[in-house]
Amino acid sequence: MRIVWSPLAIERAHDAASYIARDKPEAAQAWLLGVFEAVDRLEAFPQSGRMVPEIGLAEYREIVYRRSHRIIYYAEKSALRILTVRNFAQRLDLSELGLD
């Protein structure tokens, strides 16, 4: 299973790490590495994430990272598309996933 990160997902992950880095640069680096490791595990277990409640379609799934962030992805037959990384405190904007 191939993993493809969207530009938005990469931007959001780096934004979150930058926010953490304001106080703890080492923690930010570890956090970001952990996000990529969590996503890499999806390669072996692509259906391990739960369905995104706001969408309700089986192809749109998410994993929770450190109880604070949602990593939302779209499962295709040959690839997983990482769509966004969101803090739970942020409302999910369906338009950024190509859904309205």
Protein backbone atom coordinates (compact mmCIF):
# COMPACT_ATOMS: atom_id res chain seq x y z
CA MET A 1 0.00 0.00 0.00
CA ARG A 2 1.45 3.32 -1.08
CA ILE A 3 1.04 6.39 1.15
CA VAL A 4 0.61 9.79 -0.51
CA TRP A 5 0.64 12.96 1.57
CA SER A 6 -1.35 15.94 0.32
CA PRO A 7 0.36 19.33 0.47
CA LEU A 8 -2.31 20.43 2.98
CA ALA A 9 -1.58 17.51 5.31
CA ILE A 10 2.15 18.22 5.26
CA GLU A 11 1.52 21.91 5.88
CA ARG A 12 -0.82 21.20 8.81
CA ALA A 13 1.62 18.74 10.40
CA HIS A 14 4.46 21.24 10.11
CA ASP A 15 2.25 24.05 11.46
CA ALA A 16 1.43 21.98 14.54
CA ALA A 17 5.10 21.13 15.06
CA SER A 18 6.03 24.82 14.71
CA TYR A 19 3.51 25.69 17.39
CA ILE A 20 4.98 23.08 19.74
CA ALA A 21 8.50 24.27 18.92
CA ARG A 22 7.81 27.71 20.38
CA ASP A 23 8.23 26.20 23.84
CA LYS A 24 9.93 22.86 23.23
CA PRO A 25 11.86 22.39 19.98
CA GLU A 26 12.90 18.83 20.84
CA ALA A 27 9.32 17.87 21.63
CA ALA A 28 8.17 19.32 18.30
CA GLN A 29 10.66 17.21 16.40
CA ALA A 30 9.60 14.08 18.30
CA TRP A 31 5.92 14.92 17.72
CA LEU A 32 6.39 15.28 13.98
CA LEU A 33 8.41 12.08 13.73
CA GLY A 34 5.64 10.31 15.65
CA VAL A 35 3.01 11.55 13.19
CA PHE A 36 4.95 10.10 10.26
CA GLU A 37 5.50 6.82 12.12
CA ALA A 38 1.79 6.54 12.93
CA VAL A 39 0.94 7.05 9.26
CA ASP A 40 3.59 4.55 8.17
CA ARG A 41 1.82 1.87 10.24
CA LEU A 42 -1.23 2.34 8.03
CA GLU A 43 0.74 0.77 5.21
CA ALA A 44 0.27 -2.63 6.86
CA PHE A 45 -3.15 -1.91 8.39
CA PRO A 46 -4.98 0.56 6.11
CA GLN A 47 -8.40 -0.09 7.63
CA SER A 48 -7.22 0.36 11.22
CA GLY A 49 -8.51 3.91 11.39
CA ARG A 50 -12.10 4.65 12.20
CA MET A 51 -14.58 6.24 9.80
CA VAL A 52 -14.59 10.03 10.01
CA PRO A 53 -17.83 10.80 11.90
CA GLU A 54 -18.55 14.03 9.98
CA ILE A 55 -18.40 12.18 6.65
CA GLY A 56 -19.75 8.69 7.37
CA LEU A 57 -18.19 7.06 4.30
CA ALA A 58 -15.96 4.00 4.76
CA GLU A 59 -13.26 5.33 2.42
CA TYR A 60 -12.64 8.38 4.64
CA ARG A 61 -10.86 7.25 7.78
CA GLU A 62 -8.85 8.75 10.59
CA ILE A 63 -6.37 7.77 13.22
CA VAL A 64 -5.96 9.64 16.45
CA TYR A 65 -2.46 10.73 17.34
CA ARG A 66 -1.64 11.43 21.00
CA ARG A 67 -5.28 12.09 21.81
CA SER A 68 -4.94 15.61 20.38
CA HIS A 69 -4.78 15.29 16.60
CA ARG A 70 -6.73 13.57 13.86
CA ILE A 71 -4.91 12.27 10.80
CA ILE A 72 -7.57 11.99 8.12
CA TYR A 73 -6.99 9.84 5.07
CA TYR A 74 -8.78 8.44 2.05
CA ALA A 75 -8.34 4.71 1.40
CA GLU A 76 -8.06 3.67 -2.22
CA LYS A 77 -7.27 0.19 -3.55
CA SER A 78 -3.59 0.89 -4.15
CA ALA A 79 -2.92 3.99 -2.04
CA LEU A 80 -3.78 5.87 1.12
CA ARG A 81 -4.09 9.59 0.63
CA ILE A 82 -3.32 11.56 3.78
CA LEU A 83 -5.69 14.50 3.48
CA THR A 84 -5.12 16.57 6.60
CA VAL A 85 -3.86 16.65 10.17
CA ARG A 86 -6.22 18.46 12.55
CA ASN A 87 -6.23 19.31 16.21
CA PHE A 88 -9.38 18.00 17.89
CA ALA A 89 -10.13 21.54 19.03
CA GLN A 90 -10.48 22.61 15.39
CA ARG A 91 -13.68 22.08 13.48
CA LEU A 92 -13.21 19.90 10.40
CA ASP A 93 -13.80 21.88 7.20
CA LEU A 94 -15.14 19.36 4.68
CA SER A 95 -14.28 21.65 1.77
CA GLU A 96 -10.57 21.14 2.43
CA LEU A 97 -11.12 17.43 1.81
CA GLY A 98 -12.87 18.11 -1.47
CA LEU A 99 -16.30 17.59 0.11
CA ASP A 100 -18.96 20.23 0.58
